[in-house]
Amino acid sequence: MKLQQLLSFTRKAMDTYQMIQPGDKIAIGISGGKDSLTLLYALHGLKRFYPNPFEIEAITVDLGFEGFETDKIAELCASLNVPYTVVKTDIGKIIFDERREKNPCSLCAKMRKGSLNDVAKAHGCNKIAYGHHRDDLVETMMMSLMFEGRFYCYSPVTYLDRMELTVIRPLLFVYEADVIGFKHKYDLPVSKNPCPADGNTKREYIKNLLKQLNLENPGVMDKMFHAIINGNISSWPKIGG
């Protein structure tokens, strides 16, 4: 996928769900993975000509695992003239060494988001952008359906009233395959996830299940995606509203 295609898909999501208003300062949550780095490129590119002027900065929450490198990400941000902050935490130690969580992902996500929110607020940001793409939405819906017994997926725009922050997901319409293509084409400085649970989670199970379903029934993931978009999920904003 070329940059122009990425910008087109991203702008479609921003326009459809009115994700950005004039004067927004957006913190981009940079995990070090392909999705968040692609999002960095997308928002940096759109910032130059989007009708609603906005500012961006990048923030990485370092969970404290050995082997997690951010130097190349810092170099990329510097080349794009995007402010970059790395927040050092002991989240990994707390979850795996102290609490010895059997299902660590939920607590890890909660603590990581909490740290990101605090730093974003301290830096004067009013919005946080996550790199969740089209495939992520379908996976989340399937996880909710299979493990919680409900039809649900996180919203493209979510207001966190306690923090007075708005979460946006501008890669909503971008396929994961296109993100992978973008990563290779633009040589994104992806930092390998050193988490001990990486590749052995419920999400990974659902991802593999969906791949098999889509292989046996071509187009089934697209149908699921449109079911989410048109499903009148209560927490979702009305299109254009």
Protein backbone atom coordinates (compact mmCIF):
# COMPACT_ATOMS: atom_id res chain seq x y z
CA MET A 1 0.00 0.00 0.00
CA LYS A 2 1.29 3.45 -0.94
CA LEU A 3 1.14 6.46 1.36
CA GLN A 4 -1.58 8.11 -0.75
CA GLN A 5 -3.84 5.06 -0.31
CA LEU A 6 -3.20 5.07 3.43
CA LEU A 7 -4.11 8.74 3.66
CA SER A 8 -7.31 8.13 1.67
CA PHE A 9 -8.50 5.32 3.97
CA THR A 10 -7.55 7.30 7.07
CA ARG A 11 -9.32 10.43 5.93
CA LYS A 12 -12.44 8.40 5.16
CA ALA A 13 -12.58 7.25 8.80
CA MET A 14 -11.86 10.73 10.13
CA ASP A 15 -14.57 12.30 7.97
CA THR A 16 -17.16 9.55 8.50
CA TYR A 17 -16.96 9.67 12.29
CA GLN A 18 -15.83 13.31 12.68
CA MET A 19 -12.77 12.23 14.61
CA ILE A 20 -10.88 15.53 14.49
CA GLN A 21 -11.94 19.09 15.28
CA PRO A 22 -9.92 22.28 14.75
CA GLY A 23 -7.21 22.76 17.36
CA ASP A 24 -7.01 19.14 18.53
CA LYS A 25 -3.72 17.94 19.97
CA ILE A 26 -3.50 14.20 19.42
CA ALA A 27 -1.24 11.76 21.23
CA ILE A 28 -0.42 8.75 19.06
CA GLY A 29 0.08 5.62 21.15
CA ILE A 30 3.23 4.04 19.69
CA SER A 31 3.65 0.43 20.76
CA GLY A 32 6.55 -0.15 18.40
CA GLY A 33 4.46 -2.40 16.16
CA LYS A 34 3.52 -1.97 12.51
CA ASP A 35 0.02 -0.63 13.21
CA SER A 36 0.96 2.32 15.41
CA LEU A 37 3.90 3.28 13.17
CA THR A 38 1.60 3.21 10.14
CA LEU A 39 -0.80 5.44 12.05
CA LEU A 40 2.06 7.86 12.74
CA TYR A 41 2.71 8.16 9.01
CA ALA A 42 -1.01 8.57 8.30
CA LEU A 43 -1.64 11.40 10.77
CA HIS A 44 1.62 13.12 9.91
CA GLY A 45 0.64 13.06 6.24
CA LEU A 46 -2.92 14.27 6.79
CA LYS A 47 -1.80 17.02 9.15
CA ARG A 48 -0.40 18.90 6.17
CA PHE A 49 -3.71 19.40 4.35
CA TYR A 50 -6.65 18.25 6.52
CA PRO A 51 -9.25 21.07 6.72
CA ASN A 52 -9.36 20.89 10.52
CA PRO A 53 -5.87 21.89 11.73
CA PHE A 54 -4.44 19.63 14.44
CA GLU A 55 -1.16 18.78 16.17
CA ILE A 56 0.33 15.37 16.91
CA GLU A 57 2.91 13.86 19.20
CA ALA A 58 4.02 10.29 19.75
CA ILE A 59 4.11 8.49 23.11
CA THR A 60 5.43 5.03 23.90
CA VAL A 61 4.71 3.28 27.19
CA ASP A 62 7.75 1.09 27.88
CA LEU A 63 6.51 -1.91 29.89
CA GLY A 64 10.00 -2.65 31.19
CA PHE A 65 10.75 -5.83 29.23
CA GLU A 66 14.36 -6.44 28.24
CA GLY A 67 15.11 -6.09 24.56
CA PHE A 68 12.54 -3.39 23.77
CA GLU A 69 14.28 -0.76 21.65
CA THR A 70 12.95 2.70 20.78
CA ASP A 71 16.01 4.39 19.27
CA LYS A 72 14.94 3.87 15.66
CA ILE A 73 11.40 5.01 16.46
CA ALA A 74 12.88 8.18 17.97
CA GLU A 75 14.90 8.70 14.78
CA LEU A 76 11.76 8.33 12.66
CA CYS A 77 9.84 10.81 14.79
CA ALA A 78 12.72 13.28 14.60
CA SER A 79 12.79 12.95 10.80
CA LEU A 80 9.05 13.71 10.71
CA ASN A 81 9.44 16.53 13.24
CA VAL A 82 7.00 14.82 15.61
CA PRO A 83 7.67 15.18 19.38
CA TYR A 84 8.32 11.76 20.93
CA THR A 85 8.19 10.65 24.57
CA VAL A 86 9.06 7.25 26.07
CA VAL A 87 7.43 6.54 29.42
CA LYS A 88 9.38 4.04 31.51
CA THR A 89 7.21 1.73 33.66
CA ASP A 90 7.41 -1.53 35.64
CA ILE A 91 4.14 -2.87 34.23
CA GLY A 92 5.75 -6.04 32.90
CA LYS A 93 7.40 -6.79 36.24
CA ILE A 94 4.17 -6.16 38.16
CA ILE A 95 2.08 -8.42 35.93
CA PHE A 96 4.46 -11.33 35.34
CA ASP A 97 6.80 -11.32 38.35
CA GLU A 98 4.78 -9.91 41.22
CA ARG A 99 1.17 -10.81 40.40
CA ARG A 100 1.97 -13.79 38.14
CA GLU A 101 -1.19 -13.20 36.13
CA LYS A 102 -2.47 -16.26 34.25
CA ASN A 103 -4.39 -14.04 31.82
CA PRO A 104 -2.20 -10.93 31.72
CA CYS A 105 -3.52 -9.11 28.64
CA SER A 106 -6.52 -7.35 30.19
CA LEU A 107 -4.65 -5.93 33.18
CA CYS A 108 -1.65 -5.01 31.03
CA ALA A 109 -3.85 -3.10 28.59
CA LYS A 110 -5.58 -1.27 31.44
CA MET A 111 -2.30 -0.22 33.07
CA ARG A 112 -0.68 0.70 29.75
CA LYS A 113 -3.64 2.85 28.73
CA GLY A 114 -3.66 4.48 32.15
CA SER A 115 -0.03 5.52 31.77
CA LEU A 116 -0.61 6.75 28.23
CA ASN A 117 -3.64 8.78 29.31
CA ASP A 118 -1.74 10.43 32.16
CA VAL A 119 1.16 11.49 29.94
CA ALA A 120 -1.14 12.67 27.15
CA LYS A 121 -3.02 14.89 29.61
CA ALA A 122 0.22 16.21 31.08
CA HIS A 123 1.35 17.17 27.56
CA GLY A 124 -1.85 19.06 26.84
CA CYS A 125 -3.40 16.51 24.48
CA ASN A 126 -7.17 16.21 24.26
CA LYS A 127 -7.23 13.09 22.07
CA ILE A 128 -5.41 9.76 21.81
CA ALA A 129 -5.13 7.83 18.55
CA TYR A 130 -4.78 4.04 18.48
CA GLY A 131 -3.64 2.00 15.49
CA HIS A 132 -6.53 -0.48 15.47
CA HIS A 133 -7.25 -1.52 11.89
CA ARG A 134 -10.15 -3.23 10.10
CA ASP A 135 -9.06 -6.78 11.06
CA ASP A 136 -8.72 -5.75 14.71
CA LEU A 137 -12.38 -4.72 14.78
CA VAL A 138 -13.53 -8.08 13.47
CA GLU A 139 -11.29 -9.94 15.92
CA THR A 140 -12.61 -7.89 18.83
CA MET A 141 -16.20 -8.56 17.82
CA MET A 142 -15.53 -12.30 17.59
CA MET A 143 -13.82 -12.33 20.99
CA SER A 144 -16.80 -10.59 22.51
CA LEU A 145 -19.23 -12.95 20.79
CA MET A 146 -17.39 -16.14 21.74
CA PHE A 147 -16.07 -15.31 25.21
CA GLU A 148 -18.64 -12.81 26.51
CA GLY A 149 -21.82 -13.82 24.67
CA ARG A 150 -22.57 -10.39 23.22
CA PHE A 151 -22.29 -8.56 19.91
CA TYR A 152 -19.88 -5.74 20.68
CA CYS A 153 -16.84 -3.89 19.34
CA TYR A 154 -15.07 -0.77 20.59
CA SER A 155 -16.20 2.47 18.99
CA PRO A 156 -14.28 4.49 16.37
CA VAL A 157 -14.61 7.45 18.77
CA THR A 158 -14.80 7.07 22.55
CA TYR A 159 -14.95 9.88 25.10
CA LEU A 160 -13.30 9.07 28.44
CA ASP A 161 -15.18 11.42 30.73
CA ARG A 162 -13.06 10.71 33.81
CA MET A 163 -9.90 11.72 31.94
CA GLU A 164 -11.59 14.24 29.63
CA LEU A 165 -9.86 12.56 26.69
CA THR A 166 -11.26 11.25 23.41
CA VAL A 167 -9.92 8.03 21.88
CA ILE A 168 -9.98 7.80 18.08
CA ARG A 169 -9.15 4.92 15.73
CA PRO A 170 -8.29 6.42 12.31
CA LEU A 171 -7.16 3.13 10.71
CA LEU A 172 -10.70 1.74 10.96
CA PHE A 173 -10.97 1.10 7.19
CA VAL A 174 -7.42 -0.20 6.62
CA TYR A 175 -6.83 -3.94 6.15
CA GLU A 176 -4.04 -5.56 8.14
CA ALA A 177 -2.60 -6.94 4.88
CA ASP A 178 -2.24 -3.35 3.65
CA VAL A 179 -0.53 -2.34 6.89
CA ILE A 180 1.95 -5.19 6.39
CA GLY A 181 2.54 -4.03 2.82
CA PHE A 182 3.06 -0.46 4.03
CA LYS A 183 5.55 -1.65 6.65
CA HIS A 184 7.66 -3.37 4.02
CA LYS A 185 7.40 -0.60 1.43
CA TYR A 186 8.43 2.15 3.84
CA ASP A 187 10.76 0.03 5.99
CA LEU A 188 9.08 0.91 9.27
CA PRO A 189 11.36 0.55 12.34
CA VAL A 190 9.22 -2.08 14.05
CA SER A 191 10.42 -3.06 17.54
CA LYS A 192 9.70 -6.71 18.32
CA ASN A 193 7.23 -7.27 21.15
CA PRO A 194 9.21 -8.89 24.02
CA CYS A 195 6.09 -9.75 26.05
CA PRO A 196 6.17 -13.40 27.28
CA ALA A 197 2.50 -13.81 26.29
CA ASP A 198 3.00 -12.60 22.71
CA GLY A 199 1.56 -15.10 20.23
CA ASN A 200 -0.20 -17.12 22.92
CA THR A 201 -3.36 -15.14 23.61
CA LYS A 202 -7.10 -15.37 23.00
CA ARG A 203 -6.73 -12.72 20.31
CA GLU A 204 -4.13 -14.81 18.51
CA TYR A 205 -6.50 -17.79 18.66
CA ILE A 206 -9.32 -15.70 17.17
CA LYS A 207 -7.01 -14.28 14.50
CA ASN A 208 -6.08 -17.78 13.34
CA LEU A 209 -9.70 -18.91 13.47
CA LEU A 210 -10.80 -16.00 11.29
CA LYS A 211 -8.03 -16.70 8.78
CA GLN A 212 -9.31 -20.25 8.44
CA LEU A 213 -12.93 -19.12 8.14
CA ASN A 214 -12.01 -16.58 5.48
CA LEU A 215 -9.98 -19.19 3.59
CA GLU A 216 -12.93 -21.56 3.52
CA ASN A 217 -15.49 -18.80 2.92
CA PRO A 218 -13.82 -15.98 0.95
CA GLY A 219 -15.18 -12.58 1.93
CA VAL A 220 -16.56 -13.64 5.31
CA MET A 221 -14.41 -11.14 7.21
CA ASP A 222 -15.68 -8.32 5.00
CA LYS A 223 -19.24 -9.37 5.80
CA MET A 224 -18.42 -9.38 9.52
CA PHE A 225 -16.87 -5.94 9.26
CA HIS A 226 -19.95 -4.50 7.59
CA ALA A 227 -22.12 -6.19 10.21
CA ILE A 228 -20.20 -4.23 12.84
CA ILE A 229 -20.38 -0.95 10.94
CA ASN A 230 -24.13 -1.33 10.34
CA GLY A 231 -24.94 -3.13 13.58
CA ASN A 232 -26.23 -0.15 15.57
CA ILE A 233 -23.91 -0.93 18.48
CA SER A 234 -25.09 1.32 21.29
CA SER A 235 -21.69 2.86 22.08
CA TRP A 236 -20.97 3.85 18.47
CA PRO A 237 -21.52 7.39 17.18
CA LYS A 238 -24.07 7.92 14.46
CA ILE A 239 -22.40 8.33 11.07
CA GLY A 240 -22.08 12.00 10.32
CA GLY A 241 -23.60 12.81 13.70
